[in-house]
Amino acid sequence: MVSTIQEVRQLFTQDLLDMLQFVQEGNNVVIQPRQYLGSETFAKIASIVRIAGGEYLSAGKASHFRIPLGISQQQQQQKETFEPKVYRKEKVVVMRISKGVMVCTTYWKDKNVLLHTIQKMQRGNDGKVILDHNQKPLWVKTTTRIPMLLAQQYVMELSKLINDFTTKNDVPQRG
C-alpha cells in the first residue's frame, strides 16, 4: 500500500506520468488525465490503480482514478480474514472477489446472452461504506451482455489458460 503521493507517482512510467495530473485530497491521491487516453492506455492506468488498491470513478468530465493512502491496522486485519468464494444462488453464479467486490453472472433467455455484472460497494474518503436512504450499502455496477457463443469460447480459452498455469507451472505474463 502506498502512503505518499510520491509513491503513487513512482508506480507509473514517465510516458504515463506526462498524461496524468496527481492531486492529494485527504487520504487519497486523485489522478486525472490531462488528455484523451485511449482504451489501451486507460487499461494500463486502471490496472496500476487497482493493484495499488484504488478505483476508477466515472463522473463525466469529473471522472478520475483514486488511490487511498496508507491502510489502518484494522482494515489490514479485515482484508486478511476475508475468504473469496464462488457459489450459486438460484440461477446466478456469484464470485466474491474481495470485501465489497463481487461478480454475478446469469442467463437472459429472451436474448440468449449471459449478463455479467461487476459490482463494488461505494466507500467514502474515510473508507466507510456509503449507505442509501434505506441504510443499505450503495453499489456501483457495470453489466455486460455476452452472447452465448462468445461466452462458450471465452470459458474454453480461460480453461486452457488455467490448465497451462497449473500443469506447466507457467508464470502468467501480462499481455
Protein backbone atom coordinates (compact mmCIF):
# COMPACT_ATOMS: atom_id res chain seq x y z
CA MET A 1 0.00 0.00 0.00
CA VAL A 2 1.29 3.45 -0.88
CA SER A 3 1.48 6.14 1.77
CA THR A 4 2.54 9.29 -0.16
CA ILE A 5 1.72 10.99 -3.44
CA GLN A 6 5.36 10.47 -4.46
CA GLU A 7 4.96 6.69 -4.01
CA VAL A 8 1.85 6.80 -6.19
CA ARG A 9 3.73 8.67 -8.94
CA GLN A 10 6.52 6.05 -8.80
CA LEU A 11 4.02 3.39 -9.89
CA PHE A 12 3.76 4.94 -13.35
CA THR A 13 6.18 5.11 -16.28
CA GLN A 14 7.27 8.55 -17.48
CA ASP A 15 5.08 8.40 -20.59
CA LEU A 16 2.01 7.78 -18.38
CA LEU A 17 3.07 10.45 -15.87
CA ASP A 18 3.11 13.01 -18.69
CA MET A 19 -0.57 12.23 -19.42
CA LEU A 20 -1.77 12.47 -15.82
CA GLN A 21 -2.29 15.03 -13.07
CA PHE A 22 -1.90 13.92 -9.43
CA VAL A 23 -3.53 15.74 -6.50
CA GLN A 24 -3.74 14.65 -2.87
CA GLU A 25 -7.24 15.05 -1.42
CA GLY A 26 -7.39 13.96 2.20
CA ASN A 27 -6.27 10.33 2.47
CA ASN A 28 -6.47 9.79 -1.30
CA VAL A 29 -4.48 10.62 -4.40
CA VAL A 30 -6.79 11.70 -7.21
CA ILE A 31 -5.44 11.06 -10.70
CA GLN A 32 -6.99 12.87 -13.65
CA PRO A 33 -5.97 12.59 -17.30
CA ARG A 34 -4.52 15.67 -18.97
CA GLN A 35 -5.63 14.36 -22.37
CA TYR A 36 -7.67 11.64 -24.04
CA LEU A 37 -6.08 8.33 -23.01
CA GLY A 38 -7.47 5.82 -25.48
CA SER A 39 -8.60 2.36 -24.40
CA GLU A 40 -5.15 0.72 -24.20
CA THR A 41 -3.59 3.48 -22.10
CA PHE A 42 -6.71 3.70 -19.93
CA ALA A 43 -6.48 -0.06 -19.28
CA LYS A 44 -2.79 0.23 -18.28
CA ILE A 45 -3.55 3.03 -15.84
CA ALA A 46 -6.63 1.25 -14.44
CA SER A 47 -4.56 -1.88 -13.84
CA ILE A 48 -1.88 0.03 -11.93
CA VAL A 49 -4.53 1.83 -9.87
CA ARG A 50 -6.32 -1.44 -8.99
CA ILE A 51 -3.06 -3.11 -7.94
CA ALA A 52 -2.43 -0.13 -5.64
CA GLY A 53 -5.88 -0.62 -4.08
CA GLY A 54 -7.55 2.19 -5.99
CA GLU A 55 -10.51 2.54 -8.30
CA TYR A 56 -11.90 4.48 -11.24
CA LEU A 57 -14.82 6.80 -10.56
CA SER A 58 -16.90 7.58 -13.64
CA ALA A 59 -18.45 11.03 -13.34
CA GLY A 60 -18.46 12.57 -16.83
CA LYS A 61 -15.88 15.34 -17.11
CA ALA A 62 -15.06 14.88 -13.41
CA SER A 63 -14.13 11.20 -13.89
CA HIS A 64 -10.91 10.22 -12.19
CA PHE A 65 -8.85 7.47 -10.61
CA ARG A 66 -8.46 7.42 -6.84
CA ILE A 67 -5.84 5.62 -4.77
CA PRO A 68 -6.16 5.57 -0.96
CA LEU A 69 -3.05 6.42 1.03
CA GLY A 70 -1.98 4.08 3.82
CA ILE A 71 -4.12 1.48 5.49
CA SER A 72 -5.17 1.14 9.10
CA GLN A 73 -4.28 -1.95 11.12
CA GLN A 74 -8.00 -2.75 11.47
CA GLN A 75 -8.52 -2.58 7.68
CA GLN A 76 -5.48 -4.82 7.18
CA GLN A 77 -6.93 -7.42 9.59
CA GLN A 78 -10.30 -7.30 7.81
CA LYS A 79 -8.60 -7.89 4.45
CA GLU A 80 -6.64 -10.82 5.85
CA THR A 81 -9.75 -12.56 7.24
CA PHE A 82 -11.86 -12.28 4.06
CA GLU A 83 -12.19 -15.50 2.06
CA PRO A 84 -13.03 -15.18 -1.65
CA LYS A 85 -15.50 -17.76 -2.88
CA VAL A 86 -17.69 -18.84 -5.78
CA TYR A 87 -21.23 -20.08 -5.22
CA ARG A 88 -24.58 -20.41 -6.91
CA LYS A 89 -27.67 -18.57 -5.69
CA GLU A 90 -30.66 -19.94 -7.60
CA LYS A 91 -29.95 -19.06 -11.27
CA VAL A 92 -26.99 -16.76 -10.56
CA VAL A 93 -23.32 -17.67 -10.22
CA VAL A 94 -21.66 -15.33 -7.71
CA MET A 95 -17.93 -14.79 -7.21
CA ARG A 96 -16.96 -12.76 -4.14
CA ILE A 97 -13.52 -11.48 -5.05
CA SER A 98 -12.79 -9.26 -2.07
CA LYS A 99 -14.70 -7.48 0.64
CA GLY A 100 -17.21 -5.28 -1.16
CA VAL A 101 -16.42 -6.57 -4.67
CA MET A 102 -18.36 -9.30 -6.45
CA VAL A 103 -19.15 -10.61 -9.90
CA CYS A 104 -22.55 -12.09 -10.77
CA THR A 105 -23.43 -13.98 -13.95
CA THR A 106 -26.90 -15.13 -15.04
CA TYR A 107 -28.62 -16.25 -18.24
CA TRP A 108 -31.09 -14.00 -20.06
CA LYS A 109 -33.19 -16.48 -22.03
CA ASP A 110 -35.07 -13.96 -24.23
CA LYS A 111 -31.81 -12.59 -25.68
CA ASN A 112 -29.74 -15.81 -25.35
CA VAL A 113 -26.96 -13.93 -23.54
CA LEU A 114 -25.18 -14.07 -20.24
CA LEU A 115 -25.50 -10.96 -18.09
CA HIS A 116 -22.12 -10.47 -16.41
CA THR A 117 -22.21 -7.84 -13.66
CA ILE A 118 -19.27 -6.49 -11.67
CA GLN A 119 -20.30 -4.59 -8.58
CA LYS A 120 -18.36 -2.73 -5.93
CA MET A 121 -19.50 -1.13 -2.69
CA GLN A 122 -19.05 2.62 -2.66
CA ARG A 123 -16.85 3.96 0.12
CA GLY A 124 -16.29 7.49 1.33
CA ASN A 125 -12.90 9.19 1.73
CA ASP A 126 -12.83 7.81 5.28
CA GLY A 127 -13.09 4.23 3.95
CA LYS A 128 -16.58 3.70 5.36
CA VAL A 129 -19.32 2.15 3.22
CA ILE A 130 -21.77 4.72 1.79
CA LEU A 131 -25.38 3.83 2.60
CA ASP A 132 -28.51 4.63 0.58
CA HIS A 133 -31.75 6.06 2.00
CA ASN A 134 -32.72 2.55 3.26
CA GLN A 135 -29.40 2.23 5.13
CA LYS A 136 -28.18 -0.44 2.69
CA PRO A 137 -24.75 -0.31 1.02
CA LEU A 138 -24.59 1.70 -2.20
CA TRP A 139 -23.17 -0.37 -5.09
CA VAL A 140 -21.66 0.73 -8.38
CA LYS A 141 -22.49 -1.84 -11.06
CA THR A 142 -21.33 -2.49 -14.60
CA THR A 143 -23.23 -5.10 -16.61
CA THR A 144 -22.13 -6.61 -19.91
CA ARG A 145 -24.24 -8.75 -22.23
CA ILE A 146 -22.19 -11.67 -23.54
CA PRO A 147 -23.64 -13.74 -26.42
CA MET A 148 -23.67 -17.45 -25.58
CA LEU A 149 -21.28 -18.48 -28.37
CA LEU A 150 -18.76 -15.85 -27.28
CA ALA A 151 -19.17 -16.89 -23.61
CA GLN A 152 -18.52 -20.53 -24.52
CA GLN A 153 -15.37 -19.58 -26.46
CA TYR A 154 -14.20 -17.40 -23.58
CA VAL A 155 -14.70 -20.15 -20.97
CA MET A 156 -12.90 -22.66 -23.20
CA GLU A 157 -9.88 -20.34 -23.65
CA LEU A 158 -9.89 -19.43 -19.96
CA SER A 159 -9.91 -23.14 -19.05
CA LYS A 160 -6.93 -23.73 -21.34
CA LEU A 161 -5.09 -20.80 -19.76
CA ILE A 162 -5.76 -22.06 -16.23
CA ASN A 163 -4.71 -25.56 -17.24
CA ASP A 164 -1.45 -24.21 -18.72
CA PHE A 165 -0.61 -22.37 -15.49
CA THR A 166 -1.47 -25.25 -13.19
CA THR A 167 0.06 -28.13 -15.17
CA LYS A 168 3.12 -26.44 -16.64
CA ASN A 169 3.90 -24.18 -13.68
CA ASP A 170 3.89 -21.26 -16.11
CA VAL A 171 4.04 -17.82 -14.60
CA PRO A 172 1.33 -15.59 -16.13
CA GLN A 173 2.70 -12.75 -18.25
CA ARG A 174 0.75 -9.55 -18.64
CA GLY A 175 -0.31 -9.04 -22.21
